[in-house]
């Protein structure tokens, strides 16, 4: 799993790059990948509307929706299994008498 950096750190890194420092130098000084900085800069351009793509807010909403869908799917599976078990236990087996 990729290492997570706090938003404040990301902001400071992007400010350093915006002030004219080279991405490679900032990456070396802070011991992070230059590709990480490029990804952050790209996402910043998307969030500010300068580039097309999914914004951070939209992405967070999608992640939350997918998580909720997975939870609901698990709940449905549990309910289906419970219904199957109740159906099996309520079916008389071997009872040949007719009900009145």
Protein backbone atom coordinates (compact mmCIF):
# COMPACT_ATOMS: atom_id res chain seq x y z
CA UNK A 1 0.00 0.00 0.00
CA UNK A 2 1.37 3.44 -0.88
CA UNK A 3 2.59 5.66 1.89
CA UNK A 4 0.09 8.34 2.91
CA UNK A 5 1.22 11.93 3.46
CA UNK A 6 -0.77 14.54 5.39
CA UNK A 7 -2.49 17.24 3.30
CA UNK A 8 -0.33 19.95 4.91
CA UNK A 9 2.82 18.19 3.73
CA UNK A 10 1.44 17.86 0.22
CA UNK A 11 0.53 21.56 0.20
CA UNK A 12 4.04 22.57 1.29
CA UNK A 13 5.64 20.35 -1.36
CA UNK A 14 3.43 21.82 -4.08
CA UNK A 15 4.21 25.34 -2.84
CA UNK A 16 7.94 24.60 -3.13
CA UNK A 17 7.47 23.41 -6.70
CA UNK A 18 5.25 26.40 -7.53
CA UNK A 19 7.94 28.76 -6.19
CA UNK A 20 10.28 27.52 -8.90
CA UNK A 21 12.19 24.67 -7.27
CA UNK A 22 12.71 21.66 -9.48
CA UNK A 23 10.58 18.59 -8.79
CA UNK A 24 13.63 16.32 -8.76
CA UNK A 25 15.38 18.51 -6.18
CA UNK A 26 12.34 18.74 -3.88
CA UNK A 27 11.85 14.97 -4.16
CA UNK A 28 15.50 14.31 -3.27
CA UNK A 29 15.48 16.81 -0.37
CA UNK A 30 12.32 15.34 1.15
CA UNK A 31 13.04 11.70 0.27
CA UNK A 32 9.86 11.18 -1.72
CA UNK A 33 9.29 10.03 -5.28
CA UNK A 34 9.23 12.65 -8.00
CA UNK A 35 6.29 10.73 -9.51
CA UNK A 36 4.40 11.32 -6.27
CA UNK A 37 4.91 15.07 -6.64
CA UNK A 38 3.81 14.96 -10.29
CA UNK A 39 0.66 13.07 -9.28
CA UNK A 40 -0.11 15.62 -6.56
CA UNK A 41 0.42 18.48 -9.01
CA UNK A 42 -1.83 16.81 -11.58
CA UNK A 43 -4.55 16.29 -8.95
CA UNK A 44 -4.22 19.94 -7.90
CA UNK A 45 -4.81 21.01 -11.52
CA UNK A 46 -7.89 18.76 -11.70
CA UNK A 47 -9.24 20.06 -8.37
CA UNK A 48 -8.78 23.67 -9.52
CA UNK A 49 -10.62 22.97 -12.79
CA UNK A 50 -7.58 23.58 -15.00
CA UNK A 51 -7.54 19.99 -16.19
CA UNK A 52 -10.34 17.46 -16.79
CA UNK A 53 -10.68 14.53 -14.43
CA UNK A 54 -12.23 13.34 -11.19
CA UNK A 55 -11.78 15.84 -8.37
CA UNK A 56 -10.65 14.78 -4.92
CA UNK A 57 -14.11 15.52 -3.51
CA UNK A 58 -15.80 13.42 -6.20
CA UNK A 59 -13.30 10.62 -5.66
CA UNK A 60 -13.94 10.62 -1.90
CA UNK A 61 -17.67 10.43 -2.59
CA UNK A 62 -17.17 7.50 -4.98
CA UNK A 63 -15.03 5.65 -2.44
CA UNK A 64 -17.71 6.14 0.24
CA UNK A 65 -20.45 4.99 -2.16
CA UNK A 66 -18.51 1.87 -3.16
CA UNK A 67 -17.88 1.05 0.50
CA UNK A 68 -21.61 1.44 1.28
CA UNK A 69 -22.57 -0.72 -1.72
CA UNK A 70 -20.22 -3.45 -0.50
CA UNK A 71 -21.74 -3.28 3.00
CA UNK A 72 -25.27 -3.50 1.60
CA UNK A 73 -24.27 -6.41 -0.61
CA UNK A 74 -22.93 -8.25 2.43
CA UNK A 75 -26.16 -7.56 4.31
CA UNK A 76 -28.25 -8.88 1.42
CA UNK A 77 -26.15 -12.05 1.33
CA UNK A 78 -26.69 -12.57 5.07
CA UNK A 79 -30.44 -12.05 4.73
CA UNK A 80 -30.65 -14.45 1.78
CA UNK A 81 -28.75 -17.12 3.69
CA UNK A 82 -30.96 -16.61 6.75
CA UNK A 83 -34.09 -16.95 4.57
CA UNK A 84 -32.71 -20.18 3.09
CA UNK A 85 -32.01 -21.59 6.55
CA UNK A 86 -35.46 -20.62 7.84
CA UNK A 87 -37.09 -22.15 4.77
CA UNK A 88 -35.18 -25.42 5.30
CA UNK A 89 -36.03 -25.61 8.99
CA UNK A 90 -39.76 -24.92 8.46
CA UNK A 91 -40.22 -27.61 5.80
CA UNK A 92 -41.48 -30.82 7.44
CA UNK A 93 -39.41 -33.83 6.51
CA UNK A 94 -40.72 -37.35 6.74
CA UNK A 95 -44.15 -36.25 8.00
CA UNK A 96 -46.75 -38.24 6.02
CA UNK A 97 -49.80 -37.15 8.01
CA UNK A 98 -52.18 -34.80 6.35
CA UNK A 99 -53.08 -31.59 8.08
CA UNK A 100 -56.74 -31.02 8.88
